[in-house]
């Protein structure tokens, strides 16, 4: 019987590298965003609010990362899962801290989730592009 399991976790250095890459992509797109990185349990690990990023988007970025960590899937998948079920579509978005639109994604290394990222402040497509740019570090460094 196994008494414990060793799991990978995101380091502050890696979280800051993800934030830096996300910031570079946001600047390239000409948007100002908030970027949240959580650990695998959804607890905030690192955060950046670019100059003049929307204040309301601070919490949205954090909730996107939390949602991605809590369900271990990108936040952009929710709507397609819900759109054919009116009761769920009307009900589940009222779940505290759940975000069902793009801009949040799990951070996975070697098939294991180590954290999540949430981006908010641009359009949904811009937030997703910033997320994807940050996550591209994983392919560059680990594959």
N, C-alpha and C. Protein backbone atom coordinates (compact mmCIF):
# COMPACT_ATOMS: atom_id res chain seq x y z
N UNK A 1 0.83 -1.18 0.00
CA UNK A 1 0.00 0.00 0.00
C UNK A 1 0.88 1.25 0.00
N UNK A 2 0.64 2.15 -0.99
CA UNK A 2 1.39 3.40 -1.05
C UNK A 2 0.89 4.36 0.02
N UNK A 3 1.80 4.91 0.76
CA UNK A 3 1.43 5.83 1.83
C UNK A 3 1.55 7.29 1.40
N UNK A 4 2.23 7.55 0.31
CA UNK A 4 2.34 8.92 -0.18
C UNK A 4 2.65 8.88 -1.67
N UNK A 5 2.47 10.03 -2.27
CA UNK A 5 2.73 10.16 -3.70
C UNK A 5 3.53 11.44 -3.91
N UNK A 6 4.58 11.37 -4.66
CA UNK A 6 5.37 12.53 -4.97
C UNK A 6 4.79 13.19 -6.22
N UNK A 7 4.48 14.48 -6.11
CA UNK A 7 3.91 15.21 -7.24
C UNK A 7 4.79 16.40 -7.57
N UNK A 8 4.79 16.75 -8.85
CA UNK A 8 5.50 17.95 -9.28
C UNK A 8 4.69 19.17 -8.85
N UNK A 9 5.39 20.25 -8.61
CA UNK A 9 4.69 21.50 -8.31
C UNK A 9 5.39 22.63 -9.05
N UNK A 10 4.66 23.68 -9.29
CA UNK A 10 5.22 24.82 -10.01
C UNK A 10 6.11 25.62 -9.07
N UNK A 11 7.26 26.03 -9.58
CA UNK A 11 8.17 26.86 -8.79
C UNK A 11 7.87 28.33 -9.06
N UNK A 12 8.31 29.19 -8.16
CA UNK A 12 8.11 30.61 -8.36
C UNK A 12 8.88 31.09 -9.58
N UNK A 13 10.05 30.52 -9.83
CA UNK A 13 10.83 30.92 -11.00
C UNK A 13 10.09 30.60 -12.29
N UNK A 14 9.48 29.42 -12.36
CA UNK A 14 8.73 29.04 -13.56
C UNK A 14 7.47 29.88 -13.69
N UNK A 15 6.79 30.14 -12.58
CA UNK A 15 5.60 30.99 -12.61
C UNK A 15 5.95 32.38 -13.13
N UNK A 16 7.07 32.93 -12.69
CA UNK A 16 7.48 34.25 -13.15
C UNK A 16 7.90 34.23 -14.62
N UNK A 17 8.48 33.13 -15.09
CA UNK A 17 8.83 33.01 -16.51
C UNK A 17 7.56 32.99 -17.37
N UNK A 18 6.53 32.29 -16.89
CA UNK A 18 5.25 32.27 -17.60
C UNK A 18 4.64 33.67 -17.66
N UNK A 19 4.69 34.38 -16.55
CA UNK A 19 4.16 35.74 -16.51
C UNK A 19 4.94 36.65 -17.46
N UNK A 20 6.24 36.49 -17.49
CA UNK A 20 7.05 37.33 -18.38
C UNK A 20 6.69 37.07 -19.84
N UNK A 21 6.55 35.81 -20.22
CA UNK A 21 6.20 35.46 -21.60
C UNK A 21 4.79 35.99 -21.93
N UNK A 22 3.88 35.85 -20.99
CA UNK A 22 2.51 36.36 -21.20
C UNK A 22 2.53 37.87 -21.39
N UNK A 23 3.32 38.56 -20.60
CA UNK A 23 3.42 40.02 -20.70
C UNK A 23 3.97 40.43 -22.07
N UNK A 24 4.99 39.72 -22.54
CA UNK A 24 5.56 40.02 -23.86
C UNK A 24 4.51 39.86 -24.95
N UNK A 25 3.71 38.79 -24.88
CA UNK A 25 2.67 38.56 -25.89
C UNK A 25 1.59 39.64 -25.82
N UNK A 26 1.20 40.01 -24.61
CA UNK A 26 0.20 41.06 -24.46
C UNK A 26 0.69 42.36 -25.08
N UNK A 27 1.95 42.71 -24.84
CA UNK A 27 2.51 43.93 -25.43
C UNK A 27 2.51 43.83 -26.96
N UNK A 28 2.87 42.67 -27.48
CA UNK A 28 2.86 42.44 -28.92
C UNK A 28 1.46 42.66 -29.50
N UNK A 29 0.44 42.22 -28.76
CA UNK A 29 -0.95 42.37 -29.20
C UNK A 29 -1.51 43.77 -28.93
N UNK A 30 -0.79 44.55 -28.13
CA UNK A 30 -1.25 45.89 -27.80
C UNK A 30 -2.36 45.93 -26.77
N UNK A 31 -2.36 44.94 -25.87
CA UNK A 31 -3.37 44.90 -24.80
C UNK A 31 -2.68 44.92 -23.45
N UNK A 32 -3.42 45.38 -22.45
CA UNK A 32 -2.92 45.34 -21.08
C UNK A 32 -3.80 44.36 -20.31
N UNK A 33 -3.17 43.45 -19.61
CA UNK A 33 -3.90 42.37 -18.96
C UNK A 33 -3.40 42.12 -17.55
N UNK A 34 -4.18 41.35 -16.84
CA UNK A 34 -3.79 40.80 -15.55
C UNK A 34 -3.48 39.33 -15.79
N UNK A 35 -2.43 38.83 -15.14
CA UNK A 35 -1.99 37.45 -15.34
C UNK A 35 -1.84 36.79 -13.98
N UNK A 36 -2.55 35.69 -13.79
CA UNK A 36 -2.49 34.96 -12.53
C UNK A 36 -1.95 33.55 -12.78
N UNK A 37 -1.07 33.12 -11.92
CA UNK A 37 -0.56 31.74 -11.95
C UNK A 37 -0.90 31.12 -10.61
N UNK A 38 -1.51 29.94 -10.65
CA UNK A 38 -1.80 29.22 -9.41
C UNK A 38 -1.00 27.93 -9.36
N UNK A 39 -0.97 27.33 -8.18
CA UNK A 39 -0.42 25.99 -8.07
C UNK A 39 -1.48 24.99 -8.51
N UNK A 40 -1.21 23.72 -8.37
CA UNK A 40 -2.13 22.67 -8.85
C UNK A 40 -3.46 22.67 -8.09
N UNK A 41 -3.48 23.22 -6.89
CA UNK A 41 -4.71 23.27 -6.09
C UNK A 41 -5.51 24.55 -6.32
N UNK A 42 -4.99 25.43 -7.16
CA UNK A 42 -5.70 26.68 -7.46
C UNK A 42 -5.34 27.84 -6.57
N UNK A 43 -4.31 27.69 -5.73
CA UNK A 43 -3.87 28.78 -4.85
C UNK A 43 -2.92 29.69 -5.61
N UNK A 44 -3.12 30.98 -5.48
CA UNK A 44 -2.31 31.96 -6.20
C UNK A 44 -0.83 31.79 -5.89
N UNK A 45 -0.03 31.70 -6.95
CA UNK A 45 1.42 31.54 -6.81
C UNK A 45 2.13 32.83 -7.23
N UNK A 46 1.65 33.44 -8.34
CA UNK A 46 2.27 34.67 -8.84
C UNK A 46 1.21 35.47 -9.59
N UNK A 47 1.41 36.77 -9.63
CA UNK A 47 0.41 37.63 -10.27
C UNK A 47 1.08 38.88 -10.82
N UNK A 48 0.58 39.35 -11.97
CA UNK A 48 1.03 40.64 -12.50
C UNK A 48 -0.16 41.40 -13.06
N UNK A 49 -0.22 42.66 -12.69
CA UNK A 49 -1.18 43.58 -13.31
C UNK A 49 -0.36 44.56 -14.13
N UNK A 50 -0.49 44.45 -15.46
CA UNK A 50 0.21 45.39 -16.33
C UNK A 50 -0.33 46.79 -16.06
N UNK A 51 0.48 47.78 -16.33
CA UNK A 51 0.06 49.17 -16.13
C UNK A 51 -1.26 49.42 -16.86
N UNK A 52 -2.22 49.96 -16.12
CA UNK A 52 -3.53 50.34 -16.63
C UNK A 52 -4.42 49.16 -17.02
N UNK A 53 -4.06 47.95 -16.62
CA UNK A 53 -4.96 46.82 -16.86
C UNK A 53 -6.24 47.03 -16.06
N UNK A 54 -7.38 46.60 -16.59
CA UNK A 54 -8.65 46.84 -15.90
C UNK A 54 -8.68 46.25 -14.49
N UNK A 55 -9.16 47.06 -13.55
CA UNK A 55 -9.22 46.61 -12.16
C UNK A 55 -10.12 45.38 -11.99
N UNK A 56 -11.27 45.38 -12.63
CA UNK A 56 -12.19 44.25 -12.50
C UNK A 56 -11.56 42.95 -13.01
N UNK A 57 -10.64 43.08 -13.94
CA UNK A 57 -9.99 41.90 -14.52
C UNK A 57 -8.99 41.23 -13.57
N UNK A 58 -8.64 41.90 -12.49
CA UNK A 58 -7.74 41.27 -11.51
C UNK A 58 -8.39 39.98 -11.00
N UNK A 59 -9.59 40.10 -10.49
CA UNK A 59 -10.30 38.94 -9.96
C UNK A 59 -10.66 37.94 -11.04
N UNK A 60 -10.99 38.42 -12.24
CA UNK A 60 -11.35 37.51 -13.33
C UNK A 60 -10.15 36.64 -13.70
N UNK A 61 -8.97 37.24 -13.80
CA UNK A 61 -7.76 36.46 -14.12
C UNK A 61 -7.52 35.39 -13.05
N UNK A 62 -7.67 35.76 -11.80
CA UNK A 62 -7.46 34.80 -10.72
C UNK A 62 -8.50 33.69 -10.77
N UNK A 63 -9.76 34.05 -11.08
CA UNK A 63 -10.81 33.03 -11.16
C UNK A 63 -10.64 32.13 -12.38
N UNK A 64 -10.12 32.67 -13.47
CA UNK A 64 -9.85 31.83 -14.64
C UNK A 64 -8.79 30.78 -14.29
N UNK A 65 -7.73 31.21 -13.64
CA UNK A 65 -6.69 30.25 -13.24
C UNK A 65 -7.25 29.23 -12.25
N UNK A 66 -8.02 29.69 -11.29
CA UNK A 66 -8.63 28.78 -10.31
C UNK A 66 -9.55 27.77 -11.00
N UNK A 67 -10.38 28.24 -11.93
CA UNK A 67 -11.30 27.35 -12.64
C UNK A 67 -10.54 26.30 -13.43
N UNK A 68 -9.46 26.73 -14.10
CA UNK A 68 -8.65 25.78 -14.88
C UNK A 68 -8.00 24.74 -13.98
N UNK A 69 -7.54 25.17 -12.81
CA UNK A 69 -6.93 24.23 -11.86
C UNK A 69 -7.98 23.29 -11.26
N UNK A 70 -9.11 23.86 -10.87
CA UNK A 70 -10.14 23.08 -10.18
C UNK A 70 -10.73 21.98 -11.05
N UNK A 71 -10.87 22.25 -12.35
CA UNK A 71 -11.46 21.25 -13.25
C UNK A 71 -10.44 20.63 -14.19
N UNK A 72 -9.20 21.07 -14.07
CA UNK A 72 -8.10 20.52 -14.87
C UNK A 72 -8.40 20.56 -16.36
N UNK A 73 -8.96 21.69 -16.79
CA UNK A 73 -9.23 21.88 -18.22
C UNK A 73 -9.29 23.36 -18.53
N UNK A 74 -9.03 23.72 -19.79
CA UNK A 74 -9.12 25.13 -20.17
C UNK A 74 -10.54 25.66 -19.98
N UNK A 75 -10.63 26.91 -19.61
CA UNK A 75 -11.94 27.50 -19.35
C UNK A 75 -12.76 27.65 -20.62
N UNK A 76 -12.12 27.69 -21.78
CA UNK A 76 -12.87 27.86 -23.02
C UNK A 76 -13.68 26.62 -23.42
N UNK A 77 -13.49 25.52 -22.75
CA UNK A 77 -14.25 24.29 -23.07
C UNK A 77 -15.65 24.27 -22.45
N UNK A 78 -15.87 25.09 -21.46
CA UNK A 78 -17.13 25.02 -20.72
C UNK A 78 -18.36 25.28 -21.57
N UNK A 79 -18.34 26.35 -22.35
CA UNK A 79 -19.56 26.72 -23.08
C UNK A 79 -20.03 25.59 -24.00
N UNK A 80 -19.12 25.00 -24.75
CA UNK A 80 -19.53 23.91 -25.65
C UNK A 80 -20.08 22.71 -24.88
N UNK A 81 -19.60 22.50 -23.68
CA UNK A 81 -20.11 21.40 -22.85
C UNK A 81 -21.51 21.72 -22.31
N UNK A 82 -21.82 23.00 -22.15
CA UNK A 82 -23.07 23.41 -21.51
C UNK A 82 -24.17 23.85 -22.46
N UNK A 83 -23.82 24.29 -23.65
CA UNK A 83 -24.78 24.97 -24.51
C UNK A 83 -26.00 24.14 -24.89
N UNK A 84 -25.90 22.83 -24.88
CA UNK A 84 -27.04 21.97 -25.23
C UNK A 84 -27.88 21.58 -24.01
N UNK A 85 -27.47 22.02 -22.83
CA UNK A 85 -28.19 21.68 -21.61
C UNK A 85 -28.60 22.98 -20.89
N UNK A 86 -29.78 23.50 -21.19
CA UNK A 86 -30.19 24.80 -20.64
C UNK A 86 -30.12 24.90 -19.12
N UNK A 87 -30.45 23.83 -18.42
CA UNK A 87 -30.41 23.91 -16.95
C UNK A 87 -28.99 24.14 -16.46
N UNK A 88 -28.05 23.38 -17.02
CA UNK A 88 -26.66 23.59 -16.62
C UNK A 88 -26.16 24.96 -17.08
N UNK A 89 -26.49 25.35 -18.30
CA UNK A 89 -26.03 26.62 -18.83
C UNK A 89 -26.52 27.79 -17.97
N UNK A 90 -27.73 27.68 -17.46
CA UNK A 90 -28.26 28.74 -16.60
C UNK A 90 -27.77 28.62 -15.16
N UNK A 91 -27.42 27.42 -14.74
CA UNK A 91 -27.07 27.22 -13.35
C UNK A 91 -25.60 27.26 -13.02
N UNK A 92 -24.78 26.52 -13.76
CA UNK A 92 -23.39 26.36 -13.36
C UNK A 92 -22.57 27.65 -13.40
N UNK A 93 -22.88 28.61 -14.30
CA UNK A 93 -22.11 29.86 -14.25
C UNK A 93 -22.26 30.62 -12.92
N UNK A 94 -23.26 30.27 -12.12
CA UNK A 94 -23.43 30.92 -10.82
C UNK A 94 -22.58 30.27 -9.73
N UNK A 95 -21.85 29.23 -10.07
CA UNK A 95 -20.94 28.60 -9.12
C UNK A 95 -19.85 29.61 -8.75
N UNK A 96 -19.65 29.86 -7.46
CA UNK A 96 -18.63 30.84 -7.07
C UNK A 96 -17.26 30.53 -7.67
N UNK A 97 -16.64 31.55 -8.22
CA UNK A 97 -15.27 31.51 -8.77
C UNK A 97 -15.12 30.72 -10.07
N UNK A 98 -16.20 30.21 -10.64
CA UNK A 98 -16.11 29.49 -11.91
C UNK A 98 -16.22 30.45 -13.09
N UNK A 99 -15.29 30.34 -14.02
CA UNK A 99 -15.32 31.12 -15.25
C UNK A 99 -15.49 30.14 -16.40
N UNK A 100 -16.44 30.44 -17.32
CA UNK A 100 -16.73 29.50 -18.41
C UNK A 100 -16.38 30.08 -19.79
N UNK A 101 -15.49 31.04 -19.83
CA UNK A 101 -15.04 31.57 -21.12
C UNK A 101 -13.51 31.57 -21.14
N UNK A 102 -12.94 31.75 -22.31
CA UNK A 102 -11.51 31.56 -22.51
C UNK A 102 -10.60 32.49 -21.75
N UNK A 103 -9.38 32.02 -21.58
CA UNK A 103 -8.35 32.80 -20.91
C UNK A 103 -7.75 32.11 -19.70
N UNK A 104 -8.22 30.89 -19.42
CA UNK A 104 -7.66 30.10 -18.33
C UNK A 104 -7.26 28.73 -18.83
N UNK A 105 -6.13 28.21 -18.35
CA UNK A 105 -5.67 26.90 -18.81
C UNK A 105 -4.79 26.23 -17.76
N UNK A 106 -4.85 24.91 -17.71
CA UNK A 106 -3.93 24.18 -16.83
C UNK A 106 -2.50 24.31 -17.35
N UNK A 107 -1.56 24.20 -16.46
CA UNK A 107 -0.14 24.16 -16.82
C UNK A 107 0.29 22.72 -16.57
N UNK A 108 0.64 22.02 -17.64
CA UNK A 108 1.00 20.60 -17.54
C UNK A 108 2.42 20.37 -18.02
N UNK A 109 3.15 19.55 -17.28
CA UNK A 109 4.49 19.14 -17.65
C UNK A 109 4.55 17.62 -17.54
N UNK A 110 4.97 16.97 -18.60
CA UNK A 110 5.05 15.51 -18.64
C UNK A 110 3.72 14.86 -18.26
N UNK A 111 2.62 15.43 -18.73
CA UNK A 111 1.30 14.86 -18.48
C UNK A 111 0.76 15.09 -17.08
N UNK A 112 1.45 15.88 -16.28
CA UNK A 112 1.02 16.14 -14.91
C UNK A 112 0.73 17.63 -14.73
N UNK A 113 -0.44 17.94 -14.19
CA UNK A 113 -0.79 19.33 -13.95
C UNK A 113 -0.03 19.86 -12.74
N UNK A 114 0.68 20.97 -12.96
CA UNK A 114 1.45 21.57 -11.86
C UNK A 114 0.89 22.93 -11.45
N UNK A 115 -0.07 23.42 -12.20
CA UNK A 115 -0.64 24.73 -11.89
C UNK A 115 -1.61 25.15 -12.97
N UNK A 116 -1.94 26.43 -12.98
CA UNK A 116 -2.85 26.97 -13.99
C UNK A 116 -2.54 28.44 -14.20
N UNK A 117 -2.96 28.93 -15.37
CA UNK A 117 -2.78 30.34 -15.71
C UNK A 117 -4.13 30.94 -16.05
N UNK A 118 -4.32 32.19 -15.67
CA UNK A 118 -5.51 32.93 -16.03
C UNK A 118 -5.11 34.31 -16.51
N UNK A 119 -5.71 34.74 -17.62
CA UNK A 119 -5.41 36.04 -18.20
C UNK A 119 -6.71 36.78 -18.44
N UNK A 120 -6.76 38.06 -18.07
CA UNK A 120 -7.96 38.85 -18.29
C UNK A 120 -7.60 40.31 -18.50
N UNK A 121 -8.32 40.93 -19.43
CA UNK A 121 -8.12 42.34 -19.71
C UNK A 121 -8.29 42.66 -21.18
N UNK A 122 -8.06 41.69 -22.03
CA UNK A 122 -8.29 41.86 -23.46
C UNK A 122 -9.59 41.20 -23.85
N UNK A 123 -9.77 41.01 -25.15
CA UNK A 123 -10.91 40.22 -25.60
C UNK A 123 -10.67 38.76 -25.23
N UNK A 124 -11.69 37.94 -25.36
CA UNK A 124 -11.50 36.52 -25.06
C UNK A 124 -10.39 35.94 -25.93
N UNK A 125 -10.37 36.27 -27.21
CA UNK A 125 -9.34 35.76 -28.13
C UNK A 125 -7.95 36.26 -27.73
N UNK A 126 -7.85 37.52 -27.32
CA UNK A 126 -6.55 38.05 -26.90
C UNK A 126 -6.08 37.39 -25.61
N UNK A 127 -6.99 37.22 -24.66
CA UNK A 127 -6.62 36.54 -23.40
C UNK A 127 -6.13 35.13 -23.69
N UNK A 128 -6.81 34.42 -24.59
CA UNK A 128 -6.39 33.06 -24.93
C UNK A 128 -5.02 33.06 -25.62
N UNK A 129 -4.79 34.01 -26.51
CA UNK A 129 -3.50 34.09 -27.20
C UNK A 129 -2.37 34.35 -26.21
N UNK A 130 -2.61 35.19 -25.22
CA UNK A 130 -1.60 35.47 -24.21
C UNK A 130 -1.32 34.21 -23.39
N UNK A 131 -2.38 33.49 -23.02
CA UNK A 131 -2.23 32.21 -22.30
C UNK A 131 -1.38 31.23 -23.11
N UNK A 132 -1.75 31.06 -24.36
CA UNK A 132 -1.06 30.09 -25.23
C UNK A 132 0.41 30.44 -25.40
N UNK A 133 0.71 31.72 -25.52
CA UNK A 133 2.11 32.14 -25.66
C UNK A 133 2.90 31.78 -24.41
N UNK A 134 2.31 31.99 -23.25
CA UNK A 134 3.01 31.63 -22.00
C UNK A 134 3.23 30.12 -21.94
N UNK A 135 2.20 29.35 -22.28
CA UNK A 135 2.31 27.89 -22.19
C UNK A 135 3.28 27.31 -23.22
N UNK A 136 3.59 28.07 -24.27
CA UNK A 136 4.54 27.59 -25.28
C UNK A 136 5.93 27.39 -24.67
N UNK A 137 6.21 28.01 -23.55
CA UNK A 137 7.49 27.81 -22.86
C UNK A 137 7.68 26.33 -22.55
N UNK A 138 6.61 25.66 -22.19
CA UNK A 138 6.71 24.25 -21.81
C UNK A 138 7.23 23.42 -22.96
N UNK A 139 6.70 23.63 -24.17
CA UNK A 139 7.16 22.88 -25.33
C UNK A 139 8.62 23.20 -25.64
N UNK A 140 9.00 24.45 -25.46
CA UNK A 140 10.37 24.86 -25.76
C UNK A 140 11.37 24.29 -24.76
N UNK A 141 10.97 24.20 -23.50
CA UNK A 141 11.91 23.78 -22.46
C UNK A 141 11.85 22.31 -22.10
N UNK A 142 10.68 21.68 -22.30
CA UNK A 142 10.51 20.34 -21.77
C UNK A 142 10.31 19.26 -22.84
N UNK A 143 10.10 19.65 -24.09
CA UNK A 143 9.87 18.63 -25.12
C UNK A 143 10.98 18.60 -26.13
